[in-house]
PDB file of all heavy atoms in Angstrom:
ATOM      1  N   SER A   1     126.195  87.042 101.798  1.00  0.00           N
ATOM      2  CA  SER A   1     124.734  86.993 101.826  1.00  0.00           C
ATOM      3  C   SER A   1     124.140  88.135 102.584  1.00  0.00           C
ATOM      4  O   SER A   1     124.718  88.693 103.546  1.00  0.00           O
ATOM      5  CB  SER A   1     124.295  85.663 102.494  1.00  0.00           C
ATOM      6  OG  SER A   1     124.688  84.536 101.754  1.00  0.00           O
ATOM      7  N   ARG A   2     122.943  88.433 102.144  1.00  0.00           N
ATOM      8  CA  ARG A   2     122.151  89.531 102.798  1.00  0.00           C
ATOM      9  C   ARG A   2     121.021  88.943 103.658  1.00  0.00           C
ATOM     10  O   ARG A   2     120.672  87.718 103.550  1.00  0.00           O
ATOM     11  CB  ARG A   2     121.544  90.442 101.736  1.00  0.00           C
ATOM     12  CG  ARG A   2     122.580  91.444 101.142  1.00  0.00           C
ATOM     13  CD  ARG A   2     122.524  92.727 101.907  1.00  0.00           C
ATOM     14  NE  ARG A   2     123.545  93.698 101.560  1.00  0.00           N
ATOM     15  CZ  ARG A   2     123.544  94.490 100.487  1.00  0.00           C
ATOM     16  NH1 ARG A   2     122.620  94.354  99.550  1.00  0.00           N
ATOM     17  NH2 ARG A   2     124.492  95.362 100.337  1.00  0.00           N
ATOM     18  N   ASN A   3     120.406  89.728 104.512  1.00  0.00           N
ATOM     19  CA  ASN A   3     119.341  89.279 105.387  1.00  0.00           C
ATOM     20  C   ASN A   3     118.101  89.077 104.655  1.00  0.00           C
ATOM     21  O   ASN A   3     117.637  89.930 103.910  1.00  0.00           O
ATOM     22  CB  ASN A   3     119.167  90.310 106.507  1.00  0.00           C
ATOM     23  CG  ASN A   3     118.060  89.940 107.450  1.00  0.00           C
ATOM     24  OD1 ASN A   3     116.886  90.302 107.235  1.00  0.00           O
ATOM     25  ND2 ASN A   3     118.411  89.260 108.513  1.00  0.00           N
ATOM     26  N   ARG A   4     117.432  87.924 104.857  1.00  0.00           N
ATOM     27  CA  ARG A   4     116.245  87.566 104.135  1.00  0.00           C
ATOM     28  C   ARG A   4     115.050  88.467 104.423  1.00  0.00           C
ATOM     29  O   ARG A   4     114.315  88.894 103.498  1.00  0.00           O
ATOM     30  CB  ARG A   4     115.892  86.082 104.383  1.00  0.00           C
ATOM     31  CG  ARG A   4     114.687  85.578 103.693  1.00  0.00           C
ATOM     32  CD  ARG A   4     114.486  84.072 103.975  1.00  0.00           C
ATOM     33  NE  ARG A   4     113.267  83.568 103.369  1.00  0.00           N
ATOM     34  CZ  ARG A   4     112.063  83.722 103.899  1.00  0.00           C
ATOM     35  NH1 ARG A   4     111.915  84.352 105.069  1.00  0.00           N
ATOM     36  NH2 ARG A   4     111.033  83.206 103.288  1.00  0.00           N
ATOM     37  N   GLU A   5     114.831  88.741 105.702  1.00  0.00           N
ATOM     38  CA  GLU A   5     113.645  89.564 106.067  1.00  0.00           C
ATOM     39  C   GLU A   5     113.807  91.010 105.537  1.00  0.00           C
ATOM     40  O   GLU A   5     112.838  91.593 105.157  1.00  0.00           O
ATOM     41  CB  GLU A   5     113.505  89.583 107.607  1.00  0.00           C
ATOM     42  CG  GLU A   5     113.154  88.244 108.188  1.00  0.00           C
ATOM     43  CD  GLU A   5     111.911  87.626 107.564  1.00  0.00           C
ATOM     44  OE1 GLU A   5     110.928  88.371 107.340  1.00  0.00           O
ATOM     45  OE2 GLU A   5     111.891  86.431 107.255  1.00  0.00           O
ATOM     46  N   THR A   6     115.018  91.474 105.548  1.00  0.00           N
ATOM     47  CA  THR A   6     115.259  92.805 104.958  1.00  0.00           C
ATOM     48  C   THR A   6     114.920  92.768 103.457  1.00  0.00           C
ATOM     49  O   THR A   6     114.355  93.741 102.922  1.00  0.00           O
ATOM     50  CB  THR A   6     116.714  93.254 105.124  1.00  0.00           C
ATOM     51  OG1 THR A   6     116.958  93.306 106.561  1.00  0.00           O
ATOM     52  CG2 THR A   6     116.965  94.652 104.586  1.00  0.00           C
ATOM     53  N   ALA A   7     115.331  91.719 102.766  1.00  0.00           N
ATOM     54  CA  ALA A   7     115.036  91.598 101.290  1.00  0.00           C
ATOM     55  C   ALA A   7     113.524  91.660 101.040  1.00  0.00           C
ATOM     56  O   ALA A   7     113.081  92.333 100.158  1.00  0.00           O
ATOM     57  CB  ALA A   7     115.616  90.259 100.806  1.00  0.00           C
ATOM     58  N   LEU A   8     112.744  90.995 101.890  1.00  0.00           N
ATOM     59  CA  LEU A   8     111.286  90.964 101.715  1.00  0.00           C
ATOM     60  C   LEU A   8     110.743  92.393 101.915  1.00  0.00           C
ATOM     61  O   LEU A   8     109.877  92.897 101.224  1.00  0.00           O
ATOM     62  CB  LEU A   8     110.629  89.988 102.627  1.00  0.00           C
ATOM     63  CG  LEU A   8     110.941  88.525 102.427  1.00  0.00           C
ATOM     64  CD1 LEU A   8     110.418  87.675 103.558  1.00  0.00           C
ATOM     65  CD2 LEU A   8     110.410  88.088 101.056  1.00  0.00           C
ATOM     66  N   ALA A   9     111.316  93.063 102.953  1.00  0.00           N
ATOM     67  CA  ALA A   9     110.875  94.481 103.237  1.00  0.00           C
ATOM     68  C   ALA A   9     111.165  95.408 102.108  1.00  0.00           C
ATOM     69  O   ALA A   9     110.356  96.293 101.775  1.00  0.00           O
ATOM     70  CB  ALA A   9     111.488  94.926 104.544  1.00  0.00           C
ATOM     71  N   VAL A  10     112.352  95.244 101.476  1.00  0.00           N
ATOM     72  CA  VAL A  10     112.750  96.123 100.361  1.00  0.00           C
ATOM     73  C   VAL A  10     111.755  95.925  99.197  1.00  0.00           C
ATOM     74  O   VAL A  10     111.344  96.886  98.568  1.00  0.00           O
ATOM     75  CB  VAL A  10     114.180  95.846  99.959  1.00  0.00           C
ATOM     76  CG1 VAL A  10     114.520  96.553  98.626  1.00  0.00           C
ATOM     77  CG2 VAL A  10     115.174  96.287 101.057  1.00  0.00           C
ATOM     78  N   LEU A  11     111.460  94.655  98.844  1.00  0.00           N
ATOM     79  CA  LEU A  11     110.503  94.406  97.771  1.00  0.00           C
ATOM     80  C   LEU A  11     109.152  95.026  98.028  1.00  0.00           C
ATOM     81  O   LEU A  11     108.573  95.644  97.162  1.00  0.00           O
ATOM     82  CB  LEU A  11     110.381  92.898  97.596  1.00  0.00           C
ATOM     83  CG  LEU A  11     111.543  92.195  96.880  1.00  0.00           C
ATOM     84  CD1 LEU A  11     111.495  90.694  97.101  1.00  0.00           C
ATOM     85  CD2 LEU A  11     111.604  92.507  95.397  1.00  0.00           C
ATOM     86  N   THR A  12     108.629  94.826  99.204  1.00  0.00           N
ATOM     87  CA  THR A  12     107.342  95.397  99.539  1.00  0.00           C
ATOM     88  C   THR A  12     107.337  96.891  99.445  1.00  0.00           C
ATOM     89  O   THR A  12     106.408  97.533  98.883  1.00  0.00           O
ATOM     90  CB  THR A  12     106.933  95.015 100.977  1.00  0.00           C
ATOM     91  OG1 THR A  12     106.927  93.570 101.047  1.00  0.00           O
ATOM     92  CG2 THR A  12     105.583  95.521 101.357  1.00  0.00           C
ATOM     93  N   ARG A  13     108.413  97.530  99.981  1.00  0.00           N
ATOM     94  CA  ARG A  13     108.502  98.993  99.947  1.00  0.00           C
ATOM     95  C   ARG A  13     108.654  99.510  98.513  1.00  0.00           C
ATOM     96  O   ARG A  13     108.092 100.584  98.164  1.00  0.00           O
ATOM     97  CB  ARG A  13     109.678  99.440 100.797  1.00  0.00           C
ATOM     98  CG  ARG A  13     109.862 100.963 100.928  1.00  0.00           C
ATOM     99  CD  ARG A  13     108.632 101.576 101.583  1.00  0.00           C
ATOM    100  NE  ARG A  13     108.790 103.017 101.746  1.00  0.00           N
ATOM    101  CZ  ARG A  13     107.768 103.875 101.699  1.00  0.00           C
ATOM    102  NH1 ARG A  13     106.541 103.481 101.413  1.00  0.00           N
ATOM    103  NH2 ARG A  13     108.018 105.185 101.858  1.00  0.00           N
ATOM    104  N   ALA A  14     109.372  98.796  97.675  1.00  0.00           N
ATOM    105  CA  ALA A  14     109.552  99.199  96.276  1.00  0.00           C
ATOM    106  C   ALA A  14     108.191  99.387  95.581  1.00  0.00           C
ATOM    107  O   ALA A  14     107.943 100.410  94.914  1.00  0.00           O
ATOM    108  CB  ALA A  14     110.445  98.222  95.549  1.00  0.00           C
ATOM    109  N   VAL A  15     107.345  98.392  95.736  1.00  0.00           N
ATOM    110  CA  VAL A  15     106.015  98.456  95.155  1.00  0.00           C
ATOM    111  C   VAL A  15     105.225  99.565  95.753  1.00  0.00           C
ATOM    112  O   VAL A  15     104.472 100.287  95.048  1.00  0.00           O
ATOM    113  CB  VAL A  15     105.347  97.099  95.213  1.00  0.00           C
ATOM    114  CG1 VAL A  15     103.827  97.193  94.780  1.00  0.00           C
ATOM    115  CG2 VAL A  15     106.054  96.069  94.364  1.00  0.00           C
ATOM    116  N   GLU A  16     105.280  99.750  97.089  1.00  0.00           N
ATOM    117  CA  GLU A  16     104.585 100.843  97.703  1.00  0.00           C
ATOM    118  C   GLU A  16     105.023 102.230  97.131  1.00  0.00           C
ATOM    119  O   GLU A  16     104.196 103.144  97.068  1.00  0.00           O
ATOM    120  CB  GLU A  16     104.876 100.840  99.217  1.00  0.00           C
ATOM    121  CG  GLU A  16     104.243  99.708  99.996  1.00  0.00           C
ATOM    122  CD  GLU A  16     104.680  99.645 101.456  1.00  0.00           C
ATOM    123  OE1 GLU A  16     105.619 100.407 101.857  1.00  0.00           O
ATOM    124  OE2 GLU A  16     104.094  98.834 102.194  1.00  0.00           O
ATOM    125  N   LEU A  17     106.258 102.328  96.723  1.00  0.00           N
ATOM    126  CA  LEU A  17     106.799 103.597  96.210  1.00  0.00           C
ATOM    127  C   LEU A  17     106.467 103.760  94.716  1.00  0.00           C
ATOM    128  O   LEU A  17     106.914 104.736  94.095  1.00  0.00           O
ATOM    129  CB  LEU A  17     108.306 103.657  96.425  1.00  0.00           C
ATOM    130  CG  LEU A  17     108.724 103.782  97.888  1.00  0.00           C
ATOM    131  CD1 LEU A  17     110.220 103.634  98.022  1.00  0.00           C
ATOM    132  CD2 LEU A  17     108.330 105.138  98.446  1.00  0.00           C
ATOM    133  N   GLY A  18     105.754 102.804  94.109  1.00  0.00           N
ATOM    134  CA  GLY A  18     105.376 102.974  92.748  1.00  0.00           C
ATOM    135  C   GLY A  18     106.275 102.249  91.714  1.00  0.00           C
ATOM    136  O   GLY A  18     106.065 102.406  90.528  1.00  0.00           O
ATOM    137  N   VAL A  19     107.232 101.524  92.193  1.00  0.00           N
ATOM    138  CA  VAL A  19     108.053 100.735  91.268  1.00  0.00           C
ATOM    139  C   VAL A  19     107.208  99.595  90.640  1.00  0.00           C
ATOM    140  O   VAL A  19     106.584  98.832  91.341  1.00  0.00           O
ATOM    141  CB  VAL A  19     109.285 100.137  91.985  1.00  0.00           C
ATOM    142  CG1 VAL A  19     110.020  99.147  91.099  1.00  0.00           C
ATOM    143  CG2 VAL A  19     110.214 101.229  92.478  1.00  0.00           C
ATOM    144  N   ASN A  20     107.173  99.538  89.301  1.00  0.00           N
ATOM    145  CA  ASN A  20     106.357  98.458  88.696  1.00  0.00           C
ATOM    146  C   ASN A  20     107.147  97.729  87.611  1.00  0.00           C
ATOM    147  O   ASN A  20     106.591  97.055  86.761  1.00  0.00           O
ATOM    148  CB  ASN A  20     105.114  99.009  88.108  1.00  0.00           C
ATOM    149  CG  ASN A  20     105.312  99.963  86.943  1.00  0.00           C
ATOM    150  OD1 ASN A  20     106.376 100.399  86.713  1.00  0.00           O
ATOM    151  ND2 ASN A  20     104.204 100.230  86.230  1.00  0.00           N
ATOM    152  N   HIS A  21     108.478  97.824  87.721  1.00  0.00           N
ATOM    153  CA  HIS A  21     109.386  97.100  86.832  1.00  0.00           C
ATOM    154  C   HIS A  21     110.495  96.483  87.694  1.00  0.00           C
ATOM    155  O   HIS A  21     111.343  97.202  88.219  1.00  0.00           O
ATOM    156  CB  HIS A  21     109.968  97.994  85.762  1.00  0.00           C
ATOM    157  CG  HIS A  21     111.056  97.391  84.956  1.00  0.00           C
ATOM    158  ND1 HIS A  21     112.112  98.138  84.421  1.00  0.00           N
ATOM    159  CD2 HIS A  21     111.274  96.132  84.542  1.00  0.00           C
ATOM    160  CE1 HIS A  21     112.946  97.340  83.768  1.00  0.00           C
ATOM    161  NE2 HIS A  21     112.486  96.080  83.822  1.00  0.00           N
ATOM    162  N   ILE A  22     110.463  95.192  87.869  1.00  0.00           N
ATOM    163  CA  ILE A  22     111.390  94.462  88.704  1.00  0.00           C
ATOM    164  C   ILE A  22     112.274  93.583  87.797  1.00  0.00           C
ATOM    165  O   ILE A  22     111.739  92.816  86.974  1.00  0.00           O
ATOM    166  CB  ILE A  22     110.750  93.655  89.790  1.00  0.00           C
ATOM    167  CG1 ILE A  22     110.079  94.603  90.794  1.00  0.00           C
ATOM    168  CG2 ILE A  22     111.751  92.712  90.487  1.00  0.00           C
ATOM    169  CD1 ILE A  22     109.342  93.881  91.912  1.00  0.00           C
ATOM    170  N   ASP A  23     113.587  93.669  87.936  1.00  0.00           N
ATOM    171  CA  ASP A  23     114.516  92.859  87.126  1.00  0.00           C
ATOM    172  C   ASP A  23     115.123  91.776  88.003  1.00  0.00           C
ATOM    173  O   ASP A  23     115.630  92.049  89.083  1.00  0.00           O
ATOM    174  CB  ASP A  23     115.593  93.760  86.576  1.00  0.00           C
ATOM    175  CG  ASP A  23     116.539  93.011  85.625  1.00  0.00           C
ATOM    176  OD1 ASP A  23     116.211  92.870  84.451  1.00  0.00           O
ATOM    177  OD2 ASP A  23     117.628  92.527  86.132  1.00  0.00           O
ATOM    178  N   THR A  24     115.068  90.555  87.517  1.00  0.00           N
ATOM    179  CA  THR A  24     115.527  89.422  88.309  1.00  0.00           C
ATOM    180  C   THR A  24     116.173  88.343  87.468  1.00  0.00           C
ATOM    181  O   THR A  24     116.391  88.527  86.214  1.00  0.00           O
ATOM    182  CB  THR A  24     114.257  88.827  89.092  1.00  0.00           C
ATOM    183  OG1 THR A  24     114.759  87.831  89.988  1.00  0.00           O
ATOM    184  CG2 THR A  24     113.247  88.259  88.180  1.00  0.00           C
ATOM    185  N   ALA A  25     116.502  87.229  88.035  1.00  0.00           N
ATOM    186  CA  ALA A  25     116.983  86.034  87.328  1.00  0.00           C
ATOM    187  C   ALA A  25     116.956  84.850  88.307  1.00  0.00           C
ATOM    188  O   ALA A  25     117.177  85.029  89.503  1.00  0.00           O
ATOM    189  CB  ALA A  25     118.440  86.277  86.824  1.00  0.00           C
ATOM    190  N   ASP A  26     116.761  83.670  87.739  1.00  0.00           N
ATOM    191  CA  ASP A  26     116.716  82.470  88.589  1.00  0.00           C
ATOM    192  C   ASP A  26     118.095  82.200  89.174  1.00  0.00           C
ATOM    193  O   ASP A  26     118.184  81.579  90.226  1.00  0.00           O
ATOM    194  CB  ASP A  26     116.268  81.264  87.761  1.00  0.00           C
ATOM    195  CG  ASP A  26     116.104  80.067  88.577  1.00  0.00           C
ATOM    196  OD1 ASP A  26     115.199  79.967  89.448  1.00  0.00           O
ATOM    197  OD2 ASP A  26     116.947  79.103  88.448  1.00  0.00           O
ATOM    198  N   PHE A  27     119.151  82.702  88.536  1.00  0.00           N
ATOM    199  CA  PHE A  27     120.499  82.454  89.049  1.00  0.00           C
ATOM    200  C   PHE A  27     120.913  83.468  90.099  1.00  0.00           C
ATOM    201  O   PHE A  27     122.079  83.441  90.559  1.00  0.00           O
ATOM    202  CB  PHE A  27     121.538  82.309  87.959  1.00  0.00           C
ATOM    203  CG  PHE A  27     121.554  83.451  86.937  1.00  0.00           C
ATOM    204  CD1 PHE A  27     122.244  84.590  87.216  1.00  0.00           C
ATOM    205  CD2 PHE A  27     120.871  83.338  85.735  1.00  0.00           C
ATOM    206  CE1 PHE A  27     122.258  85.654  86.287  1.00  0.00           C
ATOM    207  CE2 PHE A  27     120.856  84.351  84.839  1.00  0.00           C
ATOM    208  CZ  PHE A  27     121.598  85.503  85.119  1.00  0.00           C
ATOM    209  N   TYR A  28     120.083  84.413  90.460  1.00  0.00           N
ATOM    210  CA  TYR A  28     120.387  85.296  91.611  1.00  0.00           C
ATOM    211  C   TYR A  28     120.004  84.570  92.866  1.00  0.00           C
ATOM    212  O   TYR A  28     118.864  84.475  93.285  1.00  0.00           O
ATOM    213  CB  TYR A  28     119.507  86.578  91.510  1.00  0.00           C
ATOM    214  CG  TYR A  28     119.832  87.538  90.410  1.00  0.00           C
ATOM    215  CD1 TYR A  28     119.074  88.661  90.206  1.00  0.00           C
ATOM    216  CD2 TYR A  28     120.944  87.369  89.565  1.00  0.00           C
ATOM    217  CE1 TYR A  28     119.368  89.580  89.154  1.00  0.00           C
ATOM    218  CE2 TYR A  28     121.243  88.220  88.549  1.00  0.00           C
ATOM    219  CZ  TYR A  28     120.456  89.326  88.364  1.00  0.00           C
ATOM    220  OH  TYR A  28     120.716  90.219  87.372  1.00  0.00           O
ATOM    221  N   ARG A  29     121.047  84.034  93.585  1.00  0.00           N
ATOM    222  CA  ARG A  29     120.806  83.162  94.738  1.00  0.00           C
ATOM    223  C   ARG A  29     121.782  83.555  95.815  1.00  0.00           C
ATOM    224  O   ARG A  29     122.832  84.152  95.602  1.00  0.00           O
ATOM    225  CB  ARG A  29     121.036  81.677  94.370  1.00  0.00           C
ATOM    226  CG  ARG A  29     119.991  81.173  93.380  1.00  0.00           C
ATOM    227  CD  ARG A  29     120.248  79.756  92.936  1.00  0.00           C
ATOM    228  NE  ARG A  29     119.232  79.289  92.025  1.00  0.00           N
ATOM    229  CZ  ARG A  29     118.145  78.670  92.414  1.00  0.00           C
ATOM    230  NH1 ARG A  29     117.983  78.351  93.686  1.00  0.00           N
ATOM    231  NH2 ARG A  29     117.239  78.286  91.516  1.00  0.00           N
ATOM    232  N   TRP A  30     121.468  83.144  97.054  1.00  0.00           N
ATOM    233  CA  TRP A  30     122.398  83.351  98.155  1.00  0.00           C
ATOM    234  C   TRP A  30     123.627  82.538  97.906  1.00  0.00           C
ATOM    235  O   TRP A  30     123.573  81.380  97.378  1.00  0.00           O
ATOM    236  CB  TRP A  30     121.735  82.859  99.476  1.00  0.00           C
ATOM    237  CG  TRP A  30     121.125  83.947 100.267  1.00  0.00           C
ATOM    238  CD1 TRP A  30     121.762  84.813 101.148  1.00  0.00           C
ATOM    239  CD2 TRP A  30     119.743  84.297 100.336  1.00  0.00           C
ATOM    240  NE1 TRP A  30     120.887  85.680 101.725  1.00  0.00           N
ATOM    241  CE2 TRP A  30     119.622  85.415 101.238  1.00  0.00           C
ATOM    242  CE3 TRP A  30     118.585  83.841  99.709  1.00  0.00           C
ATOM    243  CZ2 TRP A  30     118.398  85.981 101.559  1.00  0.00           C
ATOM    244  CZ3 TRP A  30     117.380  84.444 100.008  1.00  0.00           C
ATOM    245  CH2 TRP A  30     117.322  85.504 100.907  1.00  0.00           C
ATOM    246  N   PRO A  31     124.832  83.046  98.311  1.00  0.00           N
ATOM    247  CA  PRO A  31     126.034  82.275  98.120  1.00  0.00           C
ATOM    248  C   PRO A  31     126.054  80.925  98.860  1.00  0.00           C
ATOM    249  O   PRO A  31     126.693  79.983  98.455  1.00  0.00           O
ATOM    250  CB  PRO A  31     127.154  83.175  98.695  1.00  0.00           C
ATOM    251  CG  PRO A  31     126.573  84.560  98.629  1.00  0.00           C
ATOM    252  CD  PRO A  31     125.089  84.377  98.828  1.00  0.00           C
ATOM    253  N   ASP A  32     125.270  80.820  99.940  1.00  0.00           N
ATOM    254  CA  ASP A  32     125.201  79.586 100.705  1.00  0.00           C
ATOM    255  C   ASP A  32     124.159  78.596 100.200  1.00  0.00           C
ATOM    256  O   ASP A  32     123.860  77.624 100.859  1.00  0.00           O
ATOM    257  CB  ASP A  32     125.021  79.896 102.207  1.00  0.00           C
ATOM    258  CG  ASP A  32     123.698  80.614 102.429  1.00  0.00           C
ATOM    259  OD1 ASP A  32     122.907  80.827 101.476  1.00  0.00           O
ATOM    260  OD2 ASP A  32     123.487  81.056 103.612  1.00  0.00           O
ATOM    261  N   GLY A  33     123.577  78.887  99.047  1.00  0.00           N
ATOM    262  CA  GLY A  33     122.605  77.958  98.454  1.00  0.00           C
ATOM    263  C   GLY A  33     121.163  78.177  98.889  1.00  0.00           C
ATOM    264  O   GLY A  33     120.337  77.292  98.670  1.00  0.00           O
ATOM    265  N   GLY A  34     120.868  79.320  99.500  1.00  0.00           N
ATOM    266  CA  GLY A  34     119.508  79.616  99.942  1.00  0.00           C
ATOM    267  C   GLY A  34     118.589  79.865  98.757  1.00  0.00           C
ATOM    268  O   GLY A  34     118.999  79.672  97.592  1.00  0.00           O
ATOM    269  N   PRO A  35     117.325  80.236  99.004  1.00  0.00           N
ATOM    270  CA  PRO A  35     116.361  80.396  97.896  1.00  0.00           C
ATOM    271  C   PRO A  35     116.814  81.478  96.943  1.00  0.00           C
ATOM    272  O   PRO A  35     117.518  82.433  97.286  1.00  0.00           O
ATOM    273  CB  PRO A  35     115.067  80.779  98.664  1.00  0.00           C
ATOM    274  CG  PRO A  35     115.512  81.374  99.979  1.00  0.00           C
ATOM    275  CD  PRO A  35     116.777  80.595 100.331  1.00  0.00           C
ATOM    276  N   CYS A  36     116.302  81.351  95.694  1.00  0.00           N
ATOM    277  CA  CYS A  36     116.651  82.395  94.690  1.00  0.00           C
ATOM    278  C   CYS A  36     115.795  83.624  94.898  1.00  0.00           C
ATOM    279  O   CYS A  36     114.773  83.572  95.616  1.00  0.00           O
ATOM    280  CB  CYS A  36     116.453  81.818  93.312  1.00  0.00           C
ATOM    281  SG  CYS A  36     114.750  81.467  92.786  1.00  0.00           S
ATOM    282  N   VAL A  37     116.216  84.727  94.292  1.00  0.00           N
ATOM    283  CA  VAL A  37     115.450  85.933  94.442  1.00  0.00           C
ATOM    284  C   VAL A  37     114.034  85.798  93.966  1.00  0.00           C
ATOM    285  O   VAL A  37     113.106  86.389  94.553  1.00  0.00           O
ATOM    286  CB  VAL A  37     116.173  87.077  93.656  1.00  0.00           C
ATOM    287  CG1 VAL A  37     115.245  88.248  93.412  1.00  0.00           C
ATOM    288  CG2 VAL A  37     117.410  87.537  94.329  1.00  0.00           C
ATOM    289  N   ASN A  38     113.788  84.990  92.951  1.00  0.00           N
ATOM    290  CA  ASN A  38     112.420  84.838  92.406  1.00  0.00           C
ATOM    291  C   ASN A  38     111.496  84.342  93.546  1.00  0.00           C
ATOM    292  O   ASN A  38     110.279  84.753  93.537  1.00  0.00           O
ATOM    293  CB  ASN A  38     112.445  83.822  91.266  1.00  0.00           C
ATOM    294  CG  ASN A  38     113.015  84.431  89.999  1.00  0.00           C
ATOM    295  OD1 ASN A  38     113.209  85.635  89.890  1.00  0.00           O
ATOM    296  ND2 ASN A  38     113.341  83.574  89.047  1.00  0.00           N
ATOM    297  N   GLU A  39     111.957  83.438  94.382  1.00  0.00           N
ATOM    298  CA  GLU A  39     111.122  82.951  95.482  1.00  0.00           C
ATOM    299  C   GLU A  39     110.776  84.019  96.470  1.00  0.00           C
ATOM    300  O   GLU A  39     109.690  84.091  97.029  1.00  0.00           O
ATOM    301  CB  GLU A  39     111.803  81.745  96.120  1.00  0.00           C
ATOM    302  CG  GLU A  39     111.877  80.526  95.189  1.00  0.00           C
ATOM    303  CD  GLU A  39     112.846  79.498  95.709  1.00  0.00           C
ATOM    304  OE1 GLU A  39     113.712  79.781  96.479  1.00  0.00           O
ATOM    305  OE2 GLU A  39     112.644  78.308  95.322  1.00  0.00           O
ATOM    306  N   LEU A  40     111.723  84.933  96.681  1.00  0.00           N
ATOM    307  CA  LEU A  40     111.504  86.077  97.553  1.00  0.00           C
ATOM    308  C   LEU A  40     110.450  87.053  96.933  1.00  0.00           C
ATOM    309  O   LEU A  40     109.582  87.556  97.650  1.00  0.00           O
ATOM    310  CB  LEU A  40     112.762  86.859  97.786  1.00  0.00           C
ATOM    311  CG  LEU A  40     113.868  86.170  98.587  1.00  0.00           C
ATOM    312  CD1 LEU A  40     115.103  87.049  98.697  1.00  0.00           C
ATOM    313  CD2 LEU A  40     113.399  85.765  99.984  1.00  0.00           C
ATOM    314  N   ILE A  41     110.571  87.237  95.617  1.00  0.00           N
ATOM    315  CA  ILE A  41     109.618  88.115  94.932  1.00  0.00           C
ATOM    316  C   ILE A  41     108.186  87.591  95.113  1.00  0.00           C
ATOM    317  O   ILE A  41     107.234  88.279  95.426  1.00  0.00           O
ATOM    318  CB  ILE A  41     110.004  88.273  93.481  1.00  0.00           C
ATOM    319  CG1 ILE A  41     111.322  89.030  93.345  1.00  0.00           C
ATOM    320  CG2 ILE A  41     108.869  88.933  92.672  1.00  0.00           C
ATOM    321  CD1 ILE A  41     111.865  89.010  91.884  1.00  0.00           C
ATOM    322  N   ARG A  42     108.098  86.300  94.919  1.00  0.00           N
ATOM    323  CA  ARG A  42     106.744  85.653  95.042  1.00  0.00           C
ATOM    324  C   ARG A  42     106.226  85.770  96.427  1.00  0.00           C
ATOM    325  O   ARG A  42     105.068  86.090  96.644  1.00  0.00           O
ATOM    326  CB  ARG A  42     106.859  84.132  94.662  1.00  0.00           C
ATOM    327  CG  ARG A  42     105.524  83.439  94.673  1.00  0.00           C
ATOM    328  CD  ARG A  42     105.691  82.031  94.143  1.00  0.00           C
ATOM    329  NE  ARG A  42     104.399  81.321  94.118  1.00  0.00           N
ATOM    330  CZ  ARG A  42     104.245  80.101  93.590  1.00  0.00           C
ATOM    331  NH1 ARG A  42     105.259  79.429  93.080  1.00  0.00           N
ATOM    332  NH2 ARG A  42     103.042  79.515  93.618  1.00  0.00           N
TER     333      ARG A  42
END
């Protein structure tokens, strides 16, 4: 698993840098059963 706060910071910075195409999936989840990536994006 990766750090949740870092994940939020990466998403925010991506948009700041002009990224406007994000690829995801509901099955992208923490190995320990944490929230899926989609919830972090939101």
